[in-house]
Amino acid sequence: MRWPNGSFPTCKMLEAGMGQFKVSLTLYPRNGGPLRALEVLVDTGAGYSVIPRPVLEALGCQTHRTQRVIMADGRTEEWQVTQIEVECEGRRTTTPVLMGPPAGPALLGATTLEELGLGIDPLNRRLVPVDLYLARCSSP
């Protein structure tokens, strides 16, 4: 998404003016430690969720691979990806997440929302359960 002048919106702009909102996301540790609840910005423009690296490392997460990402200002970077079990609105799933910078925002992206079976209600700024579509299956 770009502004009419060709620039990209920042997270702060999106949060303030584009109908985005925050929700609580519970992270399940891989190392037997306590659960961690974070306030995350719902961002359907982000393919993957983003959690600051120190939070993920404290939960025992390790890098699985790297992924090229395009930043809001158009720069391209390589970020590390891990997997973590999350819960939101009473629904749990294991999802890939980008290991973000220590002071960066925590984002709930489109992939995690789909895996949780949740969509957004932008007028009321909340998450809602959605129906999942399945292609017709027939017997041989």
N, C-alpha and C. Protein backbone atom coordinates (compact mmCIF):
# COMPACT_ATOMS: atom_id res chain seq x y z
N MET A 1 0.84 -1.17 0.00
CA MET A 1 0.00 0.00 0.00
C MET A 1 0.89 1.23 0.00
N ARG A 2 0.56 2.21 -0.81
CA ARG A 2 1.30 3.46 -0.87
C ARG A 2 0.34 4.63 -0.72
N TRP A 3 0.86 5.71 -0.18
CA TRP A 3 0.12 6.96 -0.15
C TRP A 3 0.11 7.54 -1.56
N PRO A 4 -0.82 8.48 -1.84
CA PRO A 4 -0.87 9.09 -3.18
C PRO A 4 0.45 9.71 -3.64
N ASN A 5 1.28 10.16 -2.70
CA ASN A 5 2.56 10.76 -3.08
C ASN A 5 3.63 9.72 -3.35
N GLY A 6 3.29 8.42 -3.27
CA GLY A 6 4.23 7.35 -3.56
C GLY A 6 4.97 6.82 -2.35
N SER A 7 4.85 7.47 -1.19
CA SER A 7 5.54 6.99 0.01
C SER A 7 4.74 5.87 0.65
N PHE A 8 5.40 5.12 1.54
CA PHE A 8 4.76 4.03 2.26
C PHE A 8 4.33 4.53 3.63
N PRO A 9 3.15 4.09 4.15
CA PRO A 9 2.76 4.47 5.50
C PRO A 9 3.62 3.76 6.53
N THR A 10 3.85 4.38 7.66
CA THR A 10 4.57 3.74 8.75
C THR A 10 3.57 3.06 9.67
N CYS A 11 4.06 2.21 10.58
CA CYS A 11 3.15 1.55 11.52
C CYS A 11 2.39 2.58 12.34
N LYS A 12 3.06 3.66 12.75
CA LYS A 12 2.39 4.68 13.55
C LYS A 12 1.25 5.32 12.76
N MET A 13 1.49 5.60 11.48
CA MET A 13 0.43 6.17 10.63
C MET A 13 -0.73 5.20 10.51
N LEU A 14 -0.41 3.93 10.29
CA LEU A 14 -1.45 2.93 10.12
C LEU A 14 -2.28 2.79 11.38
N GLU A 15 -1.62 2.76 12.52
CA GLU A 15 -2.33 2.58 13.78
C GLU A 15 -3.26 3.77 14.03
N ALA A 16 -2.80 4.95 13.72
CA ALA A 16 -3.58 6.14 14.02
C ALA A 16 -4.68 6.39 13.02
N GLY A 17 -4.42 6.15 11.73
CA GLY A 17 -5.37 6.63 10.76
C GLY A 17 -5.98 5.60 9.83
N MET A 18 -5.62 4.35 9.88
CA MET A 18 -6.11 3.39 8.90
C MET A 18 -6.99 2.31 9.52
N GLY A 19 -7.55 2.54 10.70
CA GLY A 19 -8.47 1.59 11.30
C GLY A 19 -7.81 0.38 11.92
N GLN A 20 -6.54 0.44 12.21
CA GLN A 20 -5.89 -0.70 12.84
C GLN A 20 -6.10 -0.64 14.35
N PHE A 21 -5.90 -1.78 15.01
CA PHE A 21 -6.15 -1.87 16.44
C PHE A 21 -5.25 -2.93 17.04
N LYS A 22 -5.20 -2.98 18.37
CA LYS A 22 -4.36 -3.94 19.07
C LYS A 22 -5.21 -4.99 19.78
N VAL A 23 -4.63 -6.19 19.92
CA VAL A 23 -5.26 -7.29 20.64
C VAL A 23 -4.21 -7.98 21.49
N SER A 24 -4.65 -8.81 22.42
CA SER A 24 -3.73 -9.58 23.24
C SER A 24 -3.42 -10.91 22.56
N LEU A 25 -2.15 -11.26 22.49
CA LEU A 25 -1.69 -12.51 21.90
C LEU A 25 -0.87 -13.25 22.95
N THR A 26 -1.23 -14.50 23.23
CA THR A 26 -0.48 -15.31 24.19
C THR A 26 0.49 -16.19 23.43
N LEU A 27 1.75 -16.18 23.87
CA LEU A 27 2.81 -16.98 23.27
C LEU A 27 3.14 -18.14 24.20
N TYR A 28 3.21 -19.35 23.64
CA TYR A 28 3.51 -20.56 24.41
C TYR A 28 4.99 -20.89 24.25
N PRO A 29 5.71 -20.99 25.37
CA PRO A 29 7.16 -21.21 25.29
C PRO A 29 7.52 -22.60 24.79
N ARG A 30 8.66 -22.68 24.15
CA ARG A 30 9.20 -23.96 23.71
C ARG A 30 10.12 -24.56 24.76
N ASN A 31 10.46 -23.77 25.79
CA ASN A 31 11.43 -24.21 26.78
C ASN A 31 10.83 -24.52 28.15
N GLY A 32 9.49 -24.66 28.24
CA GLY A 32 8.86 -25.01 29.51
C GLY A 32 8.65 -23.84 30.45
N GLY A 33 9.00 -22.64 30.05
CA GLY A 33 8.83 -21.47 30.89
C GLY A 33 7.39 -21.00 30.92
N PRO A 34 7.16 -19.86 31.55
CA PRO A 34 5.80 -19.33 31.64
C PRO A 34 5.30 -18.76 30.30
N LEU A 35 3.97 -18.74 30.16
CA LEU A 35 3.35 -18.11 29.00
C LEU A 35 3.71 -16.63 28.97
N ARG A 36 3.64 -16.05 27.79
CA ARG A 36 3.92 -14.61 27.64
C ARG A 36 2.79 -13.97 26.86
N ALA A 37 2.14 -12.97 27.44
CA ALA A 37 1.08 -12.24 26.75
C ALA A 37 1.66 -10.93 26.23
N LEU A 38 1.35 -10.62 24.98
CA LEU A 38 1.80 -9.38 24.35
C LEU A 38 0.61 -8.66 23.74
N GLU A 39 0.69 -7.34 23.74
CA GLU A 39 -0.27 -6.54 22.98
C GLU A 39 0.33 -6.39 21.59
N VAL A 40 -0.42 -6.81 20.56
CA VAL A 40 0.09 -6.77 19.19
C VAL A 40 -0.83 -5.94 18.32
N LEU A 41 -0.26 -5.30 17.33
CA LEU A 41 -1.01 -4.51 16.37
C LEU A 41 -1.50 -5.45 15.27
N VAL A 42 -2.80 -5.47 15.02
CA VAL A 42 -3.35 -6.29 13.94
C VAL A 42 -3.00 -5.60 12.63
N ASP A 43 -2.28 -6.32 11.76
CA ASP A 43 -1.80 -5.74 10.51
C ASP A 43 -1.97 -6.74 9.39
N THR A 44 -3.12 -6.70 8.71
CA THR A 44 -3.38 -7.64 7.63
C THR A 44 -2.50 -7.37 6.41
N GLY A 45 -1.81 -6.26 6.40
CA GLY A 45 -0.86 -5.97 5.32
C GLY A 45 0.47 -6.68 5.52
N ALA A 46 0.68 -7.23 6.72
CA ALA A 46 1.89 -8.00 7.01
C ALA A 46 1.57 -9.47 6.75
N GLY A 47 2.37 -10.13 5.91
CA GLY A 47 2.15 -11.54 5.62
C GLY A 47 2.31 -12.39 6.86
N TYR A 48 3.44 -12.24 7.56
CA TYR A 48 3.72 -12.99 8.78
C TYR A 48 3.59 -12.06 9.98
N SER A 49 3.34 -12.66 11.13
CA SER A 49 3.39 -11.92 12.39
C SER A 49 4.85 -11.60 12.70
N VAL A 50 5.05 -10.55 13.48
CA VAL A 50 6.40 -10.13 13.89
C VAL A 50 6.42 -10.00 15.40
N ILE A 51 7.41 -10.63 16.03
CA ILE A 51 7.61 -10.54 17.48
C ILE A 51 9.07 -10.18 17.70
N PRO A 52 9.37 -9.25 18.63
CA PRO A 52 10.77 -8.91 18.88
C PRO A 52 11.61 -10.14 19.22
N ARG A 53 12.79 -10.21 18.62
CA ARG A 53 13.70 -11.35 18.80
C ARG A 53 13.95 -11.71 20.27
N PRO A 54 14.23 -10.73 21.16
CA PRO A 54 14.50 -11.11 22.56
C PRO A 54 13.33 -11.84 23.22
N VAL A 55 12.11 -11.49 22.88
CA VAL A 55 10.94 -12.17 23.43
C VAL A 55 10.93 -13.63 22.96
N LEU A 56 11.15 -13.83 21.66
CA LEU A 56 11.14 -15.19 21.11
C LEU A 56 12.28 -16.03 21.66
N GLU A 57 13.47 -15.45 21.78
CA GLU A 57 14.61 -16.19 22.32
C GLU A 57 14.37 -16.59 23.77
N ALA A 58 13.73 -15.70 24.56
CA ALA A 58 13.43 -16.01 25.96
C ALA A 58 12.43 -17.15 26.08
N LEU A 59 11.64 -17.38 25.02
CA LEU A 59 10.67 -18.47 25.01
C LEU A 59 11.24 -19.75 24.40
N GLY A 60 12.53 -19.73 24.07
CA GLY A 60 13.19 -20.93 23.56
C GLY A 60 13.09 -21.13 22.06
N CYS A 61 12.68 -20.11 21.33
CA CYS A 61 12.55 -20.24 19.87
C CYS A 61 13.90 -20.12 19.19
N GLN A 62 14.10 -20.91 18.15
CA GLN A 62 15.33 -20.88 17.37
C GLN A 62 14.99 -20.59 15.91
N THR A 63 15.96 -20.04 15.21
CA THR A 63 15.77 -19.71 13.80
C THR A 63 15.59 -20.98 12.97
N HIS A 64 14.59 -20.96 12.07
CA HIS A 64 14.36 -22.08 11.14
C HIS A 64 14.90 -21.76 9.75
N ARG A 65 14.79 -20.49 9.35
CA ARG A 65 15.25 -20.07 8.03
C ARG A 65 15.26 -18.55 7.98
N THR A 66 15.67 -18.00 6.86
CA THR A 66 15.58 -16.56 6.65
C THR A 66 14.53 -16.27 5.58
N GLN A 67 14.01 -15.07 5.61
CA GLN A 67 12.97 -14.65 4.67
C GLN A 67 13.24 -13.21 4.25
N ARG A 68 13.19 -12.97 2.97
CA ARG A 68 13.33 -11.60 2.48
C ARG A 68 12.04 -10.84 2.77
N VAL A 69 12.15 -9.64 3.34
CA VAL A 69 10.99 -8.80 3.65
C VAL A 69 11.19 -7.42 3.04
N ILE A 70 10.08 -6.81 2.67
CA ILE A 70 10.12 -5.45 2.14
C ILE A 70 9.61 -4.53 3.23
N MET A 71 10.43 -3.56 3.61
CA MET A 71 10.10 -2.63 4.68
C MET A 71 9.13 -1.56 4.19
N ALA A 72 8.52 -0.84 5.12
CA ALA A 72 7.54 0.20 4.79
C ALA A 72 8.14 1.29 3.89
N ASP A 73 9.45 1.51 4.01
CA ASP A 73 10.08 2.55 3.18
C ASP A 73 10.60 2.00 1.85
N GLY A 74 10.31 0.73 1.56
CA GLY A 74 10.71 0.12 0.30
C GLY A 74 12.02 -0.65 0.33
N ARG A 75 12.80 -0.53 1.42
CA ARG A 75 14.05 -1.30 1.54
C ARG A 75 13.74 -2.79 1.65
N THR A 76 14.67 -3.62 1.19
CA THR A 76 14.56 -5.07 1.33
C THR A 76 15.60 -5.54 2.34
N GLU A 77 15.18 -6.42 3.25
CA GLU A 77 16.07 -6.98 4.27
C GLU A 77 15.83 -8.48 4.38
N GLU A 78 16.78 -9.19 4.97
CA GLU A 78 16.63 -10.61 5.30
C GLU A 78 16.36 -10.71 6.79
N TRP A 79 15.24 -11.33 7.17
CA TRP A 79 14.89 -11.53 8.57
C TRP A 79 14.81 -13.02 8.86
N GLN A 80 15.07 -13.38 10.09
CA GLN A 80 14.98 -14.77 10.49
C GLN A 80 13.54 -15.14 10.86
N VAL A 81 13.19 -16.40 10.59
CA VAL A 81 11.84 -16.92 10.84
C VAL A 81 11.93 -18.06 11.85
N THR A 82 10.98 -18.11 12.76
CA THR A 82 10.85 -19.21 13.70
C THR A 82 9.38 -19.65 13.72
N GLN A 83 9.08 -20.65 14.52
CA GLN A 83 7.70 -21.12 14.71
C GLN A 83 7.38 -21.01 16.19
N ILE A 84 6.13 -20.63 16.49
CA ILE A 84 5.71 -20.58 17.89
C ILE A 84 4.21 -20.85 17.97
N GLU A 85 3.80 -21.43 19.07
CA GLU A 85 2.37 -21.64 19.31
C GLU A 85 1.81 -20.38 19.95
N VAL A 86 0.68 -19.92 19.40
CA VAL A 86 0.05 -18.69 19.88
C VAL A 86 -1.43 -18.95 20.17
N GLU A 87 -2.02 -18.06 20.97
CA GLU A 87 -3.45 -18.10 21.24
C GLU A 87 -4.01 -16.69 21.20
N CYS A 88 -5.16 -16.55 20.53
CA CYS A 88 -5.84 -15.26 20.45
C CYS A 88 -7.33 -15.53 20.36
N GLU A 89 -8.12 -14.81 21.12
CA GLU A 89 -9.58 -14.97 21.10
C GLU A 89 -9.98 -16.42 21.36
N GLY A 90 -9.23 -17.12 22.22
CA GLY A 90 -9.57 -18.49 22.59
C GLY A 90 -9.20 -19.54 21.55
N ARG A 91 -8.44 -19.17 20.52
CA ARG A 91 -8.04 -20.10 19.46
C ARG A 91 -6.52 -20.23 19.45
N ARG A 92 -6.03 -21.47 19.31
CA ARG A 92 -4.59 -21.73 19.32
C ARG A 92 -4.13 -22.31 18.00
N THR A 93 -2.88 -21.96 17.64
CA THR A 93 -2.25 -22.53 16.45
C THR A 93 -0.75 -22.37 16.58
N THR A 94 -0.02 -23.15 15.80
CA THR A 94 1.42 -22.94 15.64
C THR A 94 1.60 -22.18 14.34
N THR A 95 2.42 -21.14 14.37
CA THR A 95 2.53 -20.24 13.22
C THR A 95 3.96 -19.78 13.01
N PRO A 96 4.33 -19.49 11.76
CA PRO A 96 5.64 -18.88 11.53
C PRO A 96 5.60 -17.40 11.94
N VAL A 97 6.68 -16.92 12.53
CA VAL A 97 6.79 -15.51 12.87
C VAL A 97 8.17 -15.00 12.49
N LEU A 98 8.21 -13.74 12.12
CA LEU A 98 9.50 -13.08 11.87
C LEU A 98 10.07 -12.62 13.19
N MET A 99 11.39 -12.81 13.34
CA MET A 99 12.08 -12.38 14.55
C MET A 99 12.48 -10.91 14.34
N GLY A 100 11.69 -10.02 14.94
CA GLY A 100 11.85 -8.59 14.75
C GLY A 100 12.93 -7.97 15.62
N PRO A 101 13.23 -6.70 15.37
CA PRO A 101 14.23 -6.00 16.17
C PRO A 101 13.76 -5.83 17.61
N PRO A 102 14.70 -5.70 18.55
CA PRO A 102 14.35 -5.63 19.97
C PRO A 102 13.32 -4.56 20.32
N ALA A 103 13.41 -3.39 19.72
CA ALA A 103 12.49 -2.29 20.05
C ALA A 103 11.38 -2.15 19.02
N GLY A 104 11.28 -3.11 18.10
CA GLY A 104 10.28 -3.02 17.04
C GLY A 104 8.89 -3.38 17.51
N PRO A 105 7.89 -3.09 16.68
CA PRO A 105 6.51 -3.41 17.05
C PRO A 105 6.22 -4.90 16.94
N ALA A 106 5.28 -5.35 17.74
CA ALA A 106 4.75 -6.72 17.62
C ALA A 106 3.51 -6.64 16.75
N LEU A 107 3.50 -7.43 15.66
CA LEU A 107 2.41 -7.39 14.68
C LEU A 107 1.75 -8.75 14.56
N LEU A 108 0.43 -8.75 14.42
CA LEU A 108 -0.33 -9.97 14.14
C LEU A 108 -0.68 -9.92 12.66
N GLY A 109 -0.02 -10.77 11.86
CA GLY A 109 -0.14 -10.73 10.42
C GLY A 109 -1.20 -11.65 9.86
N ALA A 110 -1.39 -11.57 8.55
CA ALA A 110 -2.45 -12.28 7.85
C ALA A 110 -2.33 -13.80 7.96
N THR A 111 -1.13 -14.36 7.89
CA THR A 111 -0.97 -15.81 7.97
C THR A 111 -1.48 -16.34 9.30
N THR A 112 -1.09 -15.71 10.39
CA THR A 112 -1.54 -16.15 11.72
C THR A 112 -3.04 -15.99 11.86
N LEU A 113 -3.59 -14.88 11.36
CA LEU A 113 -5.04 -14.69 11.43
C LEU A 113 -5.76 -15.82 10.69
N GLU A 114 -5.29 -16.17 9.49
CA GLU A 114 -5.91 -17.26 8.74
C GLU A 114 -5.81 -18.58 9.49
N GLU A 115 -4.64 -18.85 10.06
CA GLU A 115 -4.45 -20.11 10.79
C GLU A 115 -5.35 -20.18 12.02
N LEU A 116 -5.66 -19.04 12.62
CA LEU A 116 -6.55 -18.99 13.78
C LEU A 116 -8.03 -18.99 13.38
N GLY A 117 -8.32 -18.84 12.08
CA GLY A 117 -9.70 -18.75 11.63
C GLY A 117 -10.36 -17.45 12.06
N LEU A 118 -9.57 -16.38 12.08
CA LEU A 118 -10.07 -15.07 12.50
C LEU A 118 -9.95 -14.06 11.37
N GLY A 119 -10.88 -13.15 11.32
CA GLY A 119 -10.85 -12.03 10.40
C GLY A 119 -11.02 -10.75 11.18
N ILE A 120 -11.02 -9.63 10.48
CA ILE A 120 -11.17 -8.36 11.19
C ILE A 120 -12.53 -7.73 10.90
N ASP A 121 -13.03 -7.07 11.92
CA ASP A 121 -14.21 -6.22 11.80
C ASP A 121 -13.67 -4.81 11.96
N PRO A 122 -13.37 -4.12 10.84
CA PRO A 122 -12.70 -2.82 10.93
C PRO A 122 -13.58 -1.72 11.53
N LEU A 123 -14.88 -1.84 11.40
CA LEU A 123 -15.75 -0.81 11.95
C LEU A 123 -15.75 -0.82 13.48
N ASN A 124 -15.74 -2.03 14.04
CA ASN A 124 -15.75 -2.16 15.50
C ASN A 124 -14.36 -2.43 16.07
N ARG A 125 -13.36 -2.46 15.20
CA ARG A 125 -11.96 -2.68 15.61
C ARG A 125 -11.83 -3.90 16.51
N ARG A 126 -12.19 -5.06 15.95
CA ARG A 126 -12.10 -6.31 16.71
C ARG A 126 -11.90 -7.48 15.75
N LEU A 127 -11.48 -8.60 16.31
CA LEU A 127 -11.34 -9.84 15.54
C LEU A 127 -12.63 -10.63 15.65
N VAL A 128 -12.97 -11.32 14.57
CA VAL A 128 -14.19 -12.13 14.54
C VAL A 128 -13.89 -13.47 13.89
N PRO A 129 -14.58 -14.53 14.33
CA PRO A 129 -14.41 -15.83 13.68
C PRO A 129 -14.89 -15.75 12.23
N VAL A 130 -14.22 -16.46 11.34
CA VAL A 130 -14.60 -16.49 9.93
C VAL A 130 -14.75 -17.94 9.48
N ASP A 131 -15.57 -18.14 8.46
CA ASP A 131 -15.70 -19.45 7.85
C ASP A 131 -14.49 -19.69 6.95
N LEU A 132 -14.02 -20.91 6.93
CA LEU A 132 -12.92 -21.29 6.05
C LEU A 132 -13.48 -22.04 4.86
N TYR A 133 -12.98 -21.76 3.70
CA TYR A 133 -13.46 -22.37 2.48
C TYR A 133 -12.64 -23.61 2.15
N LEU A 134 -13.33 -24.63 1.63
CA LEU A 134 -12.69 -25.88 1.25
C LEU A 134 -13.15 -26.20 -0.17
N ALA A 135 -12.21 -26.54 -1.01
CA ALA A 135 -12.57 -26.93 -2.38
C ALA A 135 -13.39 -28.21 -2.32
N ARG A 136 -14.29 -28.34 -3.25
CA ARG A 136 -15.14 -29.54 -3.27
C ARG A 136 -14.29 -30.78 -3.48
N CYS A 137 -14.55 -31.76 -2.66
CA CYS A 137 -13.84 -33.03 -2.75
C CYS A 137 -14.82 -34.09 -3.20
N SER A 138 -14.44 -34.88 -4.17
CA SER A 138 -15.33 -35.95 -4.65
C SER A 138 -14.60 -37.28 -4.57
N SER A 139 -15.38 -38.33 -4.49
CA SER A 139 -14.81 -39.69 -4.44
C SER A 139 -14.34 -40.10 -5.81
N PRO A 140 -13.31 -40.96 -5.88
CA PRO A 140 -12.82 -41.43 -7.20
C PRO A 140 -13.83 -42.28 -7.92
